[in-house]
Protein backbone atom coordinates (compact mmCIF):
# COMPACT_ATOMS: atom_id res chain seq x y z
CA MET A 1 -23.27 -16.52 14.10
CA LYS A 2 -21.88 -13.00 13.90
CA TRP A 3 -19.05 -11.09 15.56
CA SER A 4 -21.24 -9.48 18.24
CA ASP A 5 -22.27 -12.96 19.45
CA VAL A 6 -18.73 -13.53 20.75
CA GLU A 7 -19.63 -11.48 23.84
CA GLY A 8 -21.86 -14.36 24.86
CA TYR A 9 -18.79 -16.59 25.27
CA ASP A 10 -17.57 -14.85 28.41
CA TYR A 11 -17.29 -16.36 31.87
CA VAL A 12 -15.72 -15.58 35.23
CA LEU A 13 -12.86 -17.83 36.30
CA PRO A 14 -11.46 -17.73 39.85
CA LYS A 15 -7.74 -16.99 39.67
CA GLU A 16 -6.91 -20.06 41.72
CA LEU A 17 -8.18 -22.25 38.85
CA ILE A 18 -5.39 -21.06 36.55
CA ARG A 19 -2.77 -23.72 37.16
CA ARG A 20 0.76 -22.25 37.01
CA THR A 21 2.63 -25.44 36.17
CA GLY A 22 1.81 -28.92 34.97
CA VAL A 23 0.64 -31.81 37.13
CA GLU A 24 3.19 -34.58 37.72
CA PRO A 25 2.82 -37.25 36.62
CA ARG A 26 1.11 -35.68 33.64
CA ASP A 27 -1.70 -38.21 33.46
CA GLU A 28 -2.94 -37.36 36.95
CA ALA A 29 -4.51 -34.19 35.57
CA ARG A 30 -8.28 -34.35 35.91
CA LEU A 31 -10.58 -35.41 33.08
CA PHE A 32 -14.05 -33.95 32.47
CA VAL A 33 -16.04 -36.33 30.27
CA TYR A 34 -19.24 -35.20 28.56
CA ASP A 35 -21.31 -37.81 26.74
CA THR A 36 -23.56 -35.94 24.33
CA LYS A 37 -25.84 -38.94 23.74
CA SER A 38 -26.69 -39.56 27.40
CA ASN A 39 -26.19 -35.92 28.45
CA THR A 40 -24.05 -37.08 31.37
CA VAL A 41 -20.87 -35.71 32.91
CA THR A 42 -18.25 -37.96 34.48
CA LEU A 43 -15.33 -36.62 36.51
CA ASP A 44 -12.15 -38.70 36.46
CA ILE A 45 -8.39 -38.43 35.87
CA PHE A 46 -6.60 -38.50 32.54
CA GLN A 47 -4.90 -41.80 33.30
CA ASN A 48 -8.32 -43.44 32.79
CA LEU A 49 -8.97 -41.82 29.39
CA VAL A 50 -9.12 -45.19 27.61
CA GLU A 51 -12.26 -46.16 29.55
CA TYR A 52 -14.25 -43.50 27.69
CA LEU A 53 -13.05 -44.23 24.16
CA PRO A 54 -14.39 -46.83 21.73
CA ALA A 55 -12.15 -49.77 20.85
CA ASN A 56 -10.56 -49.84 17.39
CA SER A 57 -10.84 -46.06 17.03
CA LEU A 58 -8.17 -43.76 15.59
CA MET A 59 -6.49 -41.02 17.63
CA VAL A 60 -4.97 -38.09 15.73
CA LEU A 61 -2.24 -36.09 17.49
CA ASN A 62 -0.21 -32.98 16.68
CA ASP A 63 3.53 -33.73 16.92
CA THR A 64 4.75 -30.13 16.60
CA ARG A 65 7.63 -28.99 18.80
CA VAL A 66 7.77 -25.80 20.87
CA LEU A 67 11.08 -23.93 20.74
CA PRO A 68 12.34 -21.39 23.34
CA ALA A 69 11.40 -18.46 21.12
CA ARG A 70 11.43 -15.58 23.64
CA LEU A 71 14.73 -13.67 23.84
CA TRP A 72 16.00 -10.76 25.94
CA LEU A 73 18.62 -8.87 23.96
CA ARG A 74 20.44 -5.53 24.28
CA LYS A 75 20.54 -2.50 22.02
CA VAL A 76 23.80 -0.65 21.31
CA THR A 77 22.73 1.81 24.01
CA GLY A 78 22.51 -1.04 26.54
CA GLY A 79 18.73 -0.94 26.70
CA LYS A 80 16.94 -4.26 27.10
CA ILE A 81 14.53 -5.46 24.42
CA GLU A 82 12.24 -8.48 24.20
CA VAL A 83 12.44 -10.26 20.86
CA PHE A 84 9.89 -12.96 20.10
CA VAL A 85 10.94 -15.20 17.22
CA LEU A 86 7.95 -16.33 15.18
CA MET A 87 9.18 -19.87 14.65
CA ASN A 88 5.83 -20.89 13.19
CA GLN A 89 6.60 -18.56 10.26
CA PHE A 90 10.34 -19.32 10.02
CA GLU A 91 11.65 -20.31 6.61
CA ASP A 92 15.14 -18.91 6.12
CA GLU A 93 18.05 -17.94 8.39
CA ALA A 94 18.54 -14.89 6.17
CA ARG A 95 15.07 -13.53 6.97
CA ILE A 96 13.86 -14.41 10.47
CA PRO A 97 10.43 -13.00 11.49
CA VAL A 98 10.26 -11.47 14.97
CA LEU A 99 8.10 -9.28 17.20
CA VAL A 100 9.74 -6.69 19.47
CA ASP A 101 8.51 -4.74 22.50
CA ARG A 102 10.58 -1.61 21.78
CA LYS A 103 11.09 0.67 18.80
CA VAL A 104 13.71 -0.57 16.33
CA VAL A 105 14.83 0.66 12.92
CA ILE A 106 16.23 -1.01 9.82
CA GLY A 107 19.96 -1.61 10.23
CA GLN A 108 19.85 -1.69 14.04
CA LYS A 109 21.73 -4.46 15.88
CA LEU A 110 20.35 -6.37 18.86
CA PHE A 111 23.01 -8.17 20.87
CA PHE A 112 23.13 -11.56 22.58
CA PRO A 113 25.18 -11.95 25.78
CA ASN A 114 28.01 -13.63 23.80
CA GLY A 115 28.37 -10.68 21.46
CA GLU A 116 26.58 -12.15 18.48
CA ALA A 117 23.65 -10.15 17.21
CA PHE A 118 20.53 -9.87 15.14
CA GLU A 119 20.50 -7.17 12.48
CA VAL A 120 17.10 -5.71 11.62
CA ILE A 121 16.76 -5.90 7.83
CA ASP A 122 13.08 -5.31 7.01
CA GLN A 123 9.59 -4.66 8.32
CA GLU A 124 6.16 -5.73 7.06
CA GLU A 125 2.82 -5.14 8.80
CA GLY A 126 4.20 -4.99 12.33
CA ILE A 127 6.60 -7.91 11.91
CA PHE A 128 10.32 -7.19 11.74
CA PHE A 129 12.79 -9.42 9.92
CA VAL A 130 16.31 -10.03 11.18
CA LYS A 131 19.38 -12.03 10.26
CA VAL A 132 22.09 -13.45 12.53
CA LEU A 133 25.45 -11.68 12.59
CA GLY A 134 27.95 -14.32 13.69
CA VAL A 135 28.72 -17.99 13.34
CA ALA A 136 25.90 -19.45 15.44
CA SER A 137 22.65 -20.65 13.88
CA LEU A 138 19.27 -19.40 15.06
CA HIS A 139 18.54 -22.78 16.66
CA GLU A 140 21.81 -22.66 18.61
CA LEU A 141 21.07 -19.16 19.88
CA LEU A 142 17.56 -20.11 20.95
CA ALA A 143 18.78 -23.24 22.71
CA THR A 144 21.35 -21.19 24.65
CA TYR A 145 19.54 -17.92 25.35
CA GLY A 146 15.86 -18.47 24.59
CA GLU A 147 13.02 -18.82 27.06
CA THR A 148 9.99 -21.06 26.70
CA PRO A 149 7.17 -18.91 25.29
CA VAL A 150 4.51 -19.66 27.88
CA PRO A 151 1.44 -17.39 27.67
CA HIS A 152 1.64 -14.11 29.59
CA TYR A 153 -0.82 -15.33 32.22
CA LEU A 154 1.80 -17.98 33.17
CA GLU A 155 4.84 -15.72 33.29
CA ASP A 156 4.73 -15.72 37.10
CA THR A 157 5.11 -19.50 37.20
CA GLU A 158 7.60 -20.81 39.74
CA ALA A 159 8.82 -23.43 37.27
CA LYS A 160 12.40 -22.91 36.11
CA GLU A 161 13.30 -22.61 32.43
CA SER A 162 14.84 -26.10 32.45
CA GLU A 163 11.53 -27.50 33.73
CA LEU A 164 9.40 -25.54 31.26
CA ARG A 165 11.36 -26.80 28.27
CA THR A 166 10.23 -30.29 29.20
CA ARG A 167 6.84 -29.60 30.73
CA TYR A 168 5.52 -27.21 28.08
CA GLN A 169 6.20 -29.88 25.49
CA THR A 170 4.40 -33.09 24.56
CA ILE A 171 6.31 -36.31 25.19
CA PHE A 172 5.98 -37.20 21.50
CA ALA A 173 7.03 -33.87 19.96
CA LYS A 174 9.29 -34.12 16.93
CA SER A 175 12.96 -33.93 17.92
CA ASP A 176 14.08 -32.39 14.63
CA THR A 177 12.87 -28.91 13.71
CA PRO A 178 15.03 -27.67 10.82
CA ASN A 179 12.49 -25.05 9.83
CA ARG A 180 9.19 -24.09 11.40
CA ALA A 181 8.17 -24.96 14.94
CA SER A 182 5.52 -23.83 17.42
CA VAL A 183 5.53 -20.85 19.76
CA ALA A 184 2.75 -22.33 21.89
CA ALA A 185 2.07 -25.92 22.90
CA PRO A 186 -0.83 -28.04 21.64
CA THR A 187 -2.01 -28.18 25.23
CA ALA A 188 -4.57 -30.97 24.87
CA SER A 189 -1.62 -33.32 24.36
CA LEU A 190 0.37 -32.30 27.44
CA HIS A 191 -1.40 -34.89 29.62
CA PHE A 192 -0.25 -37.95 27.66
CA THR A 193 2.24 -40.40 29.17
CA GLU A 194 3.66 -43.70 27.99
CA ARG A 195 1.30 -45.32 30.48
CA VAL A 196 -1.70 -43.79 28.72
CA PHE A 197 -0.41 -44.74 25.28
CA GLU A 198 0.07 -48.32 26.44
CA SER A 199 -3.53 -48.45 27.72
CA LEU A 200 -4.76 -47.18 24.33
CA LYS A 201 -2.76 -49.88 22.58
CA GLN A 202 -4.36 -52.56 24.73
CA LYS A 203 -7.78 -51.44 23.47
CA ASP A 204 -6.54 -51.31 19.85
CA ILE A 205 -6.89 -47.54 19.68
CA ARG A 206 -4.42 -46.65 16.98
CA GLN A 207 -2.49 -43.42 16.57
CA THR A 208 -1.58 -41.23 13.66
CA ARG A 209 0.17 -37.86 13.70
CA LEU A 210 0.16 -34.62 11.78
CA THR A 211 1.90 -31.29 12.34
CA LEU A 212 0.37 -27.87 12.88
CA ASP A 213 2.87 -25.24 14.01
CA VAL A 214 1.03 -23.09 16.53
CA GLY A 215 1.46 -19.32 16.31
CA LEU A 216 0.49 -16.38 18.50
CA GLY A 217 -2.74 -16.11 16.52
CA THR A 218 -4.19 -18.77 18.78
CA PHE A 219 -4.29 -16.14 21.56
CA ALA A 220 -5.39 -13.23 19.37
CA PRO A 221 -8.76 -11.54 19.97
CA LEU A 222 -11.43 -12.32 17.41
CA THR A 223 -12.19 -9.59 14.89
CA GLU A 224 -15.19 -8.64 12.80
CA THR A 225 -13.02 -9.19 9.71
CA ALA A 226 -12.53 -12.85 10.68
CA PHE A 227 -16.29 -13.36 10.59
CA GLU A 228 -16.71 -11.39 7.35
CA ASN A 229 -14.02 -13.46 5.62
CA LYS A 230 -14.78 -16.69 7.52
CA LYS A 231 -11.04 -17.11 7.97
CA LEU A 232 -8.60 -17.08 10.89
CA HIS A 233 -4.86 -16.52 11.03
CA LYS A 234 -2.85 -18.80 8.75
CA GLU A 235 -1.09 -21.78 10.29
CA TYR A 236 1.38 -24.13 8.62
CA VAL A 237 0.44 -27.81 8.54
CA GLU A 238 1.92 -31.04 7.28
CA VAL A 239 -0.19 -34.13 6.71
CA SER A 240 1.69 -37.10 5.27
CA LYS A 241 0.28 -39.66 2.86
CA ASP A 242 0.36 -42.25 5.65
CA THR A 243 -1.64 -40.02 8.01
CA ALA A 244 -4.19 -39.19 5.32
CA HIS A 245 -4.52 -42.92 4.58
CA ASP A 246 -5.00 -43.73 8.29
CA ILE A 247 -7.80 -41.19 8.66
CA ASN A 248 -9.55 -42.06 5.41
CA THR A 249 -9.40 -45.77 6.22
CA ALA A 250 -10.89 -45.19 9.68
CA LYS A 251 -13.79 -43.24 8.18
CA GLN A 252 -14.39 -45.90 5.52
CA GLU A 253 -14.46 -48.60 8.22
CA ASN A 254 -16.77 -46.54 10.48
CA ARG A 255 -14.15 -46.33 13.21
CA ALA A 256 -14.30 -43.22 15.38
CA VAL A 257 -11.75 -40.48 14.72
CA ILE A 258 -10.55 -38.84 17.94
CA ALA A 259 -9.03 -35.37 17.49
CA VAL A 260 -6.58 -34.43 20.24
CA GLY A 261 -6.94 -30.67 20.44
CA THR A 262 -8.30 -27.81 18.40
CA THR A 263 -5.17 -27.75 16.23
CA VAL A 264 -5.80 -31.29 15.01
CA THR A 265 -9.49 -30.54 14.57
CA ARG A 266 -8.84 -27.48 12.43
CA THR A 267 -6.30 -29.34 10.31
CA VAL A 268 -8.38 -32.39 9.46
CA GLU A 269 -11.55 -30.38 8.90
CA ALA A 270 -9.74 -27.91 6.65
CA LEU A 271 -8.28 -30.68 4.53
CA THR A 272 -11.37 -32.88 4.22
CA LYS A 273 -12.74 -32.55 0.69
CA THR A 274 -15.61 -34.69 -0.61
CA GLY A 275 -15.29 -36.97 2.39
CA GLU A 276 -11.54 -37.63 2.19
CA ILE A 277 -8.31 -36.01 3.35
CA GLN A 278 -5.41 -35.45 1.01
CA ALA A 279 -1.74 -35.30 2.00
CA TYR A 280 -0.76 -31.65 2.20
CA SER A 281 2.00 -29.23 3.24
CA GLY A 282 1.07 -25.58 3.45
CA SER A 283 -1.15 -23.09 5.23
CA VAL A 284 -4.71 -23.43 6.49
CA ASP A 285 -6.93 -20.63 7.78
CA ILE A 286 -10.25 -22.35 8.49
CA PHE A 287 -12.47 -20.61 11.05
CA ILE A 288 -14.84 -23.05 12.77
CA TYR A 289 -17.73 -21.51 14.69
CA PRO A 290 -21.42 -22.41 15.17
CA PRO A 291 -23.10 -23.75 13.18
CA TYR A 292 -20.62 -26.08 11.53
CA GLN A 293 -21.03 -29.59 10.15
CA PHE A 294 -17.94 -31.58 11.13
CA GLN A 295 -16.86 -33.97 8.40
CA THR A 296 -14.11 -36.01 10.05
CA VAL A 297 -13.91 -35.55 13.83
CA ASP A 298 -16.16 -37.82 15.91
CA ILE A 299 -14.68 -37.30 19.40
CA LEU A 300 -12.85 -34.24 20.70
CA LEU A 301 -10.25 -34.12 23.47
CA THR A 302 -9.43 -30.57 24.49
CA ASN A 303 -8.57 -28.25 27.39
CA PHE A 304 -10.57 -25.41 28.95
CA HIS A 305 -10.02 -22.26 26.93
CA LEU A 306 -9.81 -18.51 27.44
CA PRO A 307 -13.09 -16.55 27.18
CA LYS A 308 -14.30 -15.20 23.85
CA THR A 309 -11.71 -17.08 21.78
CA SER A 310 -11.91 -18.98 18.51
CA LEU A 311 -11.09 -22.12 20.51
CA MET A 312 -14.26 -21.80 22.57
CA LEU A 313 -16.30 -21.25 19.42
CA LEU A 314 -14.87 -24.39 17.83
CA VAL A 315 -15.72 -26.51 20.87
CA ASP A 316 -19.25 -25.09 21.03
CA ALA A 317 -19.67 -25.77 17.31
CA PHE A 318 -18.71 -29.39 17.99
CA LEU A 319 -21.27 -29.62 20.79
CA GLN A 320 -23.98 -28.30 18.48
CA HIS A 321 -22.88 -30.71 15.75
CA LYS A 322 -23.31 -33.57 18.24
CA GLU A 323 -26.79 -32.22 19.06
CA SER A 324 -25.73 -31.69 22.63
CA LYS A 325 -28.33 -30.63 25.17
CA ARG A 326 -25.72 -28.40 26.86
CA ASP A 327 -23.56 -25.61 25.51
CA ILE A 328 -19.94 -24.87 26.34
CA LEU A 329 -20.72 -22.25 29.01
CA SER A 330 -22.92 -24.72 30.86
CA LEU A 331 -20.12 -27.29 30.87
CA TYR A 332 -17.52 -24.72 31.90
CA GLU A 333 -19.71 -23.63 34.81
CA GLU A 334 -19.90 -27.21 36.01
CA ALA A 335 -16.13 -27.61 35.65
CA ILE A 336 -15.58 -24.44 37.70
CA ARG A 337 -17.97 -25.66 40.41
CA ASN A 338 -15.87 -28.83 40.60
CA ASP A 339 -12.56 -26.91 40.77
CA PHE A 340 -11.16 -28.00 37.41
CA ALA A 341 -8.03 -26.13 36.35
CA PHE A 342 -8.19 -24.07 33.16
CA TYR A 343 -5.90 -22.96 30.31
CA SER A 344 -2.48 -24.21 29.18
CA PHE A 345 -1.52 -26.31 32.22
CA GLY A 346 -5.14 -26.97 33.10
CA ASP A 347 -7.22 -30.13 33.11
CA SER A 348 -8.74 -31.97 30.17
CA MET A 349 -12.20 -32.26 28.62
CA LEU A 350 -13.47 -35.14 26.49
CA ILE A 351 -16.58 -34.65 24.35
CA LYS A 352 -18.02 -37.72 22.71
């Protein structure tokens, strides 16, 4: 596949199929099930997910946490400025990476409503770096003044900030985020409830968790350079020894590995070497597009993605790997005909 082929991953989505807020309860979102062996589609709701999964399989989830990383601050002149804190790249309070929507210069101060401020201290390749002037920590300032960084196509949502902080978050997200965090949710996991987890337990479908801190790169347009280098944006991941052991044991015992979302898929495929996964903390930049031979993932649970994105290419690569008789556009067309909701708060798709 080459860069020009991305144009073939376009489709027309009626605006009414972009859901503006999450379904409640979460597990009443719809579920589109495609069985690649029988070439059949089943339409259901997420609450019944367990019915389509093999017993004794292993489900891998991303437990990253989304922080309210969008800020509206003021310049000395009183002008308003949007500051987006790149929490997925955060390492040190003394050097906080941000994006801004207005011109700033080194040494400039950007003020919070309480009088504390960011000071711009450096710039590298379009990213500015700031430090906090005052006694509050970055996490305290975000908790008080930050907004949930929903994608721009959801900025007209009627949901209040207090609702978004809960709803644009998985129910199992890590509570402690001393360093990096996500600036976008692993949306395939937003549908899970305790009721669903209990049903999985009854069928002896075990869980294991890893962390991939999602950045804005997940929404970035694909470039010719990405295809030339066969690499995407870097994302920070953490896979513990226990998680690596769980996945390797499942593969050794011929139990299906279910990846919840493209973030999990990219992580486990990037870290699989000679048939096994190693514990790891660091960056991955794997770019999965057709054709690709998946080494670890047997079943994929995902959402419906934006046109011409790396996420669509990954899902189509998985379909080809499973020797599917239908491609992703064919499945998306059927989902649209059946009024499935797309994107971050949209419905769910299971490919097995």
